[in-house]
Amino acid sequence: MENVLLFGGRGYIASHIKTIYPNAMLPETDIADAAGVAEVLDRVKPDVVINAAGKTGRPNVDWCEDHKLETMRSNVQGPLNLLEACSKRKIYWVHIGSGCTYEGDNGGKGFTEEDAPNFTGSFYARSKLWIDQILKDFPVLQLRLRMPFDGTDQPRSLINKLKKYPKVLDQQNSLTYVPDFLLALQTLVTNRRTGIYNVVNSGTISPYRIMLQYKEFVDPNHVFERLTLDHLGDVVKAGRSNCVLSNAKVLAEGVSMRPVEEAVTEALRDLRKLS
């Protein structure tokens, strides 16, 4: 059994990663602390390091606009510390990144891992873009997620965030269903892949449609309004990425990323059982 070291153990994504690596070590170390990172690597001597730490902001990425230094420490400086420390020790490592660095659907094709990011409308997105483009020149496995969701009551799951909004955007997007992401992570780590992978489900869906289905399957009394892209600036401080990513690369690894409509239906059925 591999010795896995997981940073960001208190976070939403890390809580799920722990289900597939139950024996993973979960240090309290701040990845922006280079000496602390070096100490824990030398003490634990992991076979695999997974970085699921990072600032996304609470309640959303608007937080990052007013906390730029904290965002930089976590999203840029921290991964750079891991890059240096893991490289010196020849430790294989994984960085959980974001696909929220693109805008549009690339002429209907979706953006591949080879396409340059084109969205800089929020400080959060810029911080993820900077580290994404730095790490691509090194033997690191980068997994890009987009608006991850599942069927639990985790407050950071997309569905649980959307149900708090009085207005919900009606714009097609790529999304990541966490159970499918976990299978992708296991496969790519086992095969020691490196480079960038867009880990998104097949097809697209709008947050508004998700809430329509939420109202149908989970809570018929839920009330919300439709928000169009041209009015998004009325309700948010920073810009939001709305994009479609190609998942052809991860599918070629034999990973099953189900159609997003199917994944949403499964998640909503699980949420209904909790209600």
Protein backbone atom coordinates (compact mmCIF):
# COMPACT_ATOMS: atom_id res chain seq x y z
CA MET A 1 0.00 0.00 0.00
CA GLU A 2 1.36 3.38 -0.98
CA ASN A 3 2.22 6.00 1.59
CA VAL A 4 0.08 9.03 0.64
CA LEU A 5 0.49 12.50 2.09
CA LEU A 6 -2.57 14.73 1.58
CA PHE A 7 -2.41 18.49 2.06
CA GLY A 8 -5.62 20.46 2.58
CA GLY A 9 -7.22 17.69 4.60
CA ARG A 10 -9.94 19.94 6.03
CA GLY A 11 -11.27 20.92 2.62
CA TYR A 12 -14.17 19.66 0.54
CA ILE A 13 -12.16 17.82 -2.12
CA ALA A 14 -9.69 16.38 0.39
CA SER A 15 -12.54 14.97 2.47
CA HIS A 16 -13.52 12.88 -0.55
CA ILE A 17 -9.95 11.94 -1.45
CA LYS A 18 -9.64 10.46 2.05
CA THR A 19 -12.32 7.92 1.14
CA ILE A 20 -10.06 6.34 -1.49
CA TYR A 21 -6.84 6.78 0.49
CA PRO A 22 -8.09 6.11 4.05
CA ASN A 23 -4.57 5.69 5.41
CA ALA A 24 -3.32 8.98 3.98
CA MET A 25 -1.40 11.23 6.34
CA LEU A 26 -3.09 14.62 6.83
CA PRO A 27 -0.56 17.19 8.03
CA GLU A 28 -1.67 20.49 9.50
CA THR A 29 1.25 22.13 7.69
CA ASP A 30 0.59 25.31 5.73
CA ILE A 31 1.96 24.64 2.26
CA ALA A 32 3.07 28.28 2.09
CA ASP A 33 5.57 27.42 4.85
CA ALA A 34 8.53 26.01 2.89
CA ALA A 35 10.38 24.80 5.98
CA GLY A 36 7.24 23.10 7.29
CA VAL A 37 6.67 21.35 3.97
CA ALA A 38 10.27 20.08 3.90
CA GLU A 39 10.02 18.83 7.49
CA VAL A 40 6.85 16.82 6.93
CA LEU A 41 8.16 15.29 3.69
CA ASP A 42 11.36 14.17 5.41
CA ARG A 43 9.46 12.79 8.37
CA VAL A 44 6.68 10.96 6.50
CA LYS A 45 8.68 9.99 3.40
CA PRO A 46 5.58 9.64 1.21
CA ASP A 47 5.35 7.77 -2.08
CA VAL A 48 2.69 10.20 -3.30
CA VAL A 49 1.86 13.76 -2.31
CA ILE A 50 -1.59 15.17 -3.17
CA ASN A 51 -2.17 18.90 -2.85
CA ALA A 52 -5.83 19.70 -2.29
CA ALA A 53 -5.08 22.92 -0.40
CA GLY A 54 -6.07 26.27 -1.84
CA LYS A 55 -8.19 29.35 -1.37
CA THR A 56 -11.48 29.50 -3.25
CA GLY A 57 -13.06 32.07 -0.95
CA ARG A 58 -16.09 32.01 1.31
CA PRO A 59 -18.86 32.20 0.44
CA ASN A 60 -17.39 32.44 -3.08
CA VAL A 61 -14.43 33.71 -5.12
CA ASP A 62 -15.38 37.35 -4.50
CA TRP A 63 -13.54 36.89 -1.18
CA CYS A 64 -10.26 36.56 -3.05
CA GLU A 65 -10.63 40.09 -4.47
CA ASP A 66 -10.17 41.52 -0.98
CA HIS A 67 -7.66 38.91 0.24
CA LYS A 68 -5.12 38.82 -2.56
CA LEU A 69 -2.04 38.06 -0.44
CA GLU A 70 -3.74 35.15 1.32
CA THR A 71 -4.94 33.85 -2.02
CA MET A 72 -1.44 34.11 -3.50
CA ARG A 73 0.14 32.35 -0.52
CA SER A 74 -2.18 29.39 -0.82
CA ASN A 75 -2.73 29.13 -4.58
CA VAL A 76 0.71 30.09 -5.91
CA GLN A 77 3.42 30.19 -3.26
CA GLY A 78 2.28 26.94 -1.63
CA PRO A 79 2.33 24.81 -4.79
CA LEU A 80 5.72 26.31 -5.70
CA ASN A 81 7.03 25.15 -2.32
CA LEU A 82 5.70 21.66 -3.02
CA LEU A 83 7.22 21.70 -6.50
CA GLU A 84 10.68 22.47 -5.12
CA ALA A 85 10.47 20.14 -2.13
CA CYS A 86 9.04 17.17 -4.05
CA SER A 87 11.44 17.67 -6.96
CA LYS A 88 14.48 17.62 -4.66
CA ARG A 89 13.27 14.39 -3.06
CA LYS A 90 12.02 12.82 -6.31
CA ILE A 91 8.51 12.43 -4.89
CA TYR A 92 5.59 12.00 -7.29
CA TRP A 93 2.92 14.58 -6.60
CA VAL A 94 -0.53 15.68 -7.67
CA HIS A 95 -1.95 19.19 -7.77
CA ILE A 96 -5.72 19.68 -7.70
CA GLY A 97 -6.25 22.63 -10.01
CA SER A 98 -9.13 24.42 -11.65
CA GLY A 99 -10.61 24.66 -15.11
CA CYS A 100 -12.12 28.03 -14.21
CA THR A 101 -9.43 29.74 -16.28
CA TYR A 102 -11.34 29.61 -19.56
CA GLU A 103 -14.25 31.49 -21.09
CA GLY A 104 -16.48 30.15 -23.87
CA ASP A 105 -16.73 26.81 -25.62
CA ASN A 106 -13.89 27.12 -28.14
CA GLY A 107 -16.16 27.09 -31.16
CA GLY A 108 -18.18 24.19 -29.79
CA LYS A 109 -15.12 21.94 -29.41
CA GLY A 110 -14.36 22.64 -25.78
CA PHE A 111 -10.93 23.70 -24.59
CA THR A 112 -8.25 21.03 -24.44
CA GLU A 113 -5.26 20.86 -22.13
CA GLU A 114 -3.16 22.34 -24.94
CA ASP A 115 -5.26 25.49 -25.28
CA ALA A 116 -3.98 28.54 -23.43
CA PRO A 117 -6.26 29.75 -20.62
CA ASN A 118 -8.19 32.87 -21.65
CA PHE A 119 -10.13 33.97 -18.54
CA THR A 120 -8.63 36.52 -16.15
CA GLY A 121 -11.81 38.13 -14.82
CA SER A 122 -11.21 37.30 -11.14
CA PHE A 123 -8.15 37.26 -8.90
CA TYR A 124 -8.96 33.66 -7.98
CA ALA A 125 -8.87 32.66 -11.65
CA ARG A 126 -5.63 34.52 -12.23
CA SER A 127 -3.96 32.82 -9.27
CA LYS A 128 -5.01 29.39 -10.56
CA LEU A 129 -3.94 30.30 -14.08
CA TRP A 130 -0.47 31.40 -12.94
CA ILE A 131 0.33 28.19 -11.07
CA ASP A 132 -1.30 26.02 -13.76
CA GLN A 133 1.01 27.43 -16.40
CA ILE A 134 4.12 27.21 -14.22
CA LEU A 135 3.56 23.59 -13.22
CA LYS A 136 2.92 22.41 -16.78
CA ASP A 137 6.67 22.57 -17.44
CA PHE A 138 7.39 20.05 -14.67
CA PRO A 139 6.54 16.36 -14.10
CA VAL A 140 3.49 17.06 -11.96
CA LEU A 141 0.00 15.59 -12.37
CA GLN A 142 -2.46 18.50 -12.55
CA LEU A 143 -6.16 17.70 -12.37
CA ARG A 144 -8.46 20.52 -13.44
CA LEU A 145 -11.88 20.42 -11.79
CA ARG A 146 -14.88 22.62 -12.54
CA MET A 147 -17.59 23.45 -10.04
CA PRO A 148 -17.38 20.05 -8.30
CA PHE A 149 -20.57 18.53 -6.92
CA ASP A 150 -21.90 15.38 -5.30
CA GLY A 151 -25.00 14.08 -3.54
CA THR A 152 -23.93 14.85 0.01
CA ASP A 153 -24.82 17.72 2.32
CA GLN A 154 -21.32 19.15 2.07
CA PRO A 155 -21.75 22.95 1.92
CA ARG A 156 -19.00 23.31 -0.70
CA SER A 157 -20.72 21.04 -3.19
CA LEU A 158 -22.04 23.08 -6.11
CA ILE A 159 -25.66 22.04 -5.62
CA ASN A 160 -25.63 23.09 -1.98
CA LYS A 161 -24.09 26.43 -2.92
CA LEU A 162 -26.62 27.05 -5.68
CA LYS A 163 -29.62 26.44 -3.47
CA LYS A 164 -28.57 29.43 -1.33
CA TYR A 165 -28.70 31.85 -4.26
CA PRO A 166 -31.90 33.79 -5.03
CA LYS A 167 -30.79 34.07 -8.67
CA VAL A 168 -29.09 31.26 -10.58
CA LEU A 169 -27.17 31.58 -13.83
CA ASP A 170 -28.54 29.98 -16.99
CA GLN A 171 -25.31 29.30 -18.88
CA GLN A 172 -23.95 25.99 -20.13
CA ASN A 173 -20.82 24.78 -18.34
CA SER A 174 -18.59 21.79 -17.82
CA LEU A 175 -18.84 20.32 -14.31
CA THR A 176 -17.03 17.69 -12.24
CA TYR A 177 -18.95 14.95 -10.44
CA VAL A 178 -16.76 14.09 -7.47
CA PRO A 179 -17.28 10.27 -7.53
CA ASP A 180 -16.05 10.21 -11.14
CA PHE A 181 -13.15 12.50 -10.28
CA LEU A 182 -12.05 10.05 -7.58
CA LEU A 183 -11.90 7.21 -10.09
CA ALA A 184 -9.86 9.40 -12.42
CA LEU A 185 -7.48 10.31 -9.61
CA GLN A 186 -6.92 6.67 -8.67
CA THR A 187 -6.30 5.61 -12.26
CA LEU A 188 -3.90 8.43 -13.09
CA VAL A 189 -1.93 8.09 -9.84
CA THR A 190 -1.66 4.31 -10.23
CA ASN A 191 -0.29 4.81 -13.74
CA ARG A 192 1.98 7.66 -12.56
CA ARG A 193 0.71 10.07 -15.18
CA THR A 194 1.96 13.64 -15.26
CA GLY A 195 0.76 16.74 -17.07
CA ILE A 196 -2.62 18.46 -17.15
CA TYR A 197 -5.94 16.61 -17.35
CA ASN A 198 -9.38 18.21 -17.61
CA VAL A 199 -11.38 16.05 -15.20
CA VAL A 200 -14.90 17.04 -16.17
CA ASN A 201 -17.95 15.02 -17.04
CA SER A 202 -19.15 14.61 -20.60
CA GLY A 203 -21.56 17.21 -21.92
CA THR A 204 -22.68 20.46 -20.32
CA ILE A 205 -25.41 21.76 -18.07
CA SER A 206 -26.43 25.13 -16.65
CA PRO A 207 -26.67 25.87 -12.92
CA TYR A 208 -30.23 27.04 -13.58
CA ARG A 209 -31.21 23.65 -15.00
CA ILE A 210 -29.66 21.96 -11.97
CA MET A 211 -31.89 24.03 -9.71
CA LEU A 212 -34.95 23.26 -11.81
CA GLN A 213 -34.21 19.59 -11.28
CA TYR A 214 -33.50 20.21 -7.60
CA LYS A 215 -36.96 21.74 -7.29
CA GLU A 216 -38.47 18.74 -9.07
CA PHE A 217 -36.61 15.96 -7.25
CA VAL A 218 -35.67 17.34 -3.85
CA ASP A 219 -37.57 20.43 -2.70
CA PRO A 220 -40.72 21.51 -4.59
CA ASN A 221 -40.94 24.60 -2.38
CA HIS A 222 -37.54 25.93 -3.39
CA VAL A 223 -37.75 29.45 -4.86
CA PHE A 224 -35.19 31.09 -7.17
CA GLU A 225 -34.98 33.22 -10.29
CA ARG A 226 -33.26 32.78 -13.62
CA LEU A 227 -30.13 34.90 -14.10
CA THR A 228 -28.73 35.61 -17.56
CA LEU A 229 -25.08 36.17 -18.35
CA ASP A 230 -25.57 39.82 -19.23
CA HIS A 231 -26.89 40.47 -15.70
CA LEU A 232 -24.30 38.39 -13.84
CA GLY A 233 -22.30 41.53 -13.02
CA ASP A 234 -25.27 42.83 -11.04
CA VAL A 235 -24.90 40.14 -8.37
CA VAL A 236 -21.15 39.37 -8.22
CA LYS A 237 -18.08 41.45 -7.51
CA ALA A 238 -15.59 39.51 -9.66
CA GLY A 239 -16.12 37.92 -13.03
CA ARG A 240 -17.03 34.26 -13.32
CA SER A 241 -15.64 31.69 -15.72
CA ASN A 242 -18.27 30.04 -17.90
CA CYS A 243 -16.68 27.47 -20.13
CA VAL A 244 -16.72 24.10 -21.79
CA LEU A 245 -13.68 21.85 -21.47
CA SER A 246 -12.79 18.78 -23.50
CA ASN A 247 -12.36 15.60 -21.45
CA ALA A 248 -10.99 13.51 -24.36
CA LYS A 249 -7.57 13.15 -22.72
CA VAL A 250 -8.84 11.66 -19.47
CA LEU A 251 -11.30 9.43 -21.35
CA ALA A 252 -8.37 8.07 -23.36
CA GLU A 253 -6.91 6.80 -20.07
CA GLY A 254 -9.89 4.47 -19.71
CA VAL A 255 -11.60 6.63 -17.10
CA SER A 256 -15.38 6.80 -17.18
CA MET A 257 -16.70 10.36 -16.87
CA ARG A 258 -20.45 9.92 -17.13
CA PRO A 259 -22.73 12.36 -18.96
CA VAL A 260 -23.20 15.31 -16.65
CA GLU A 261 -27.01 15.07 -16.80
CA GLU A 262 -26.80 11.50 -15.52
CA ALA A 263 -24.40 12.51 -12.77
CA VAL A 264 -26.63 15.39 -11.65
CA THR A 265 -29.64 13.09 -11.50
CA GLU A 266 -27.72 10.63 -9.34
CA ALA A 267 -26.57 13.40 -7.00
CA LEU A 268 -30.09 14.79 -6.65
CA ARG A 269 -31.49 11.35 -5.84
CA ASP A 270 -28.89 11.01 -3.09
CA LEU A 271 -29.80 14.46 -1.76
CA ARG A 272 -33.47 13.52 -1.72
CA LYS A 273 -32.64 10.59 0.56
CA LEU A 274 -31.06 13.04 3.00
CA SER A 275 -34.00 15.44 3.04
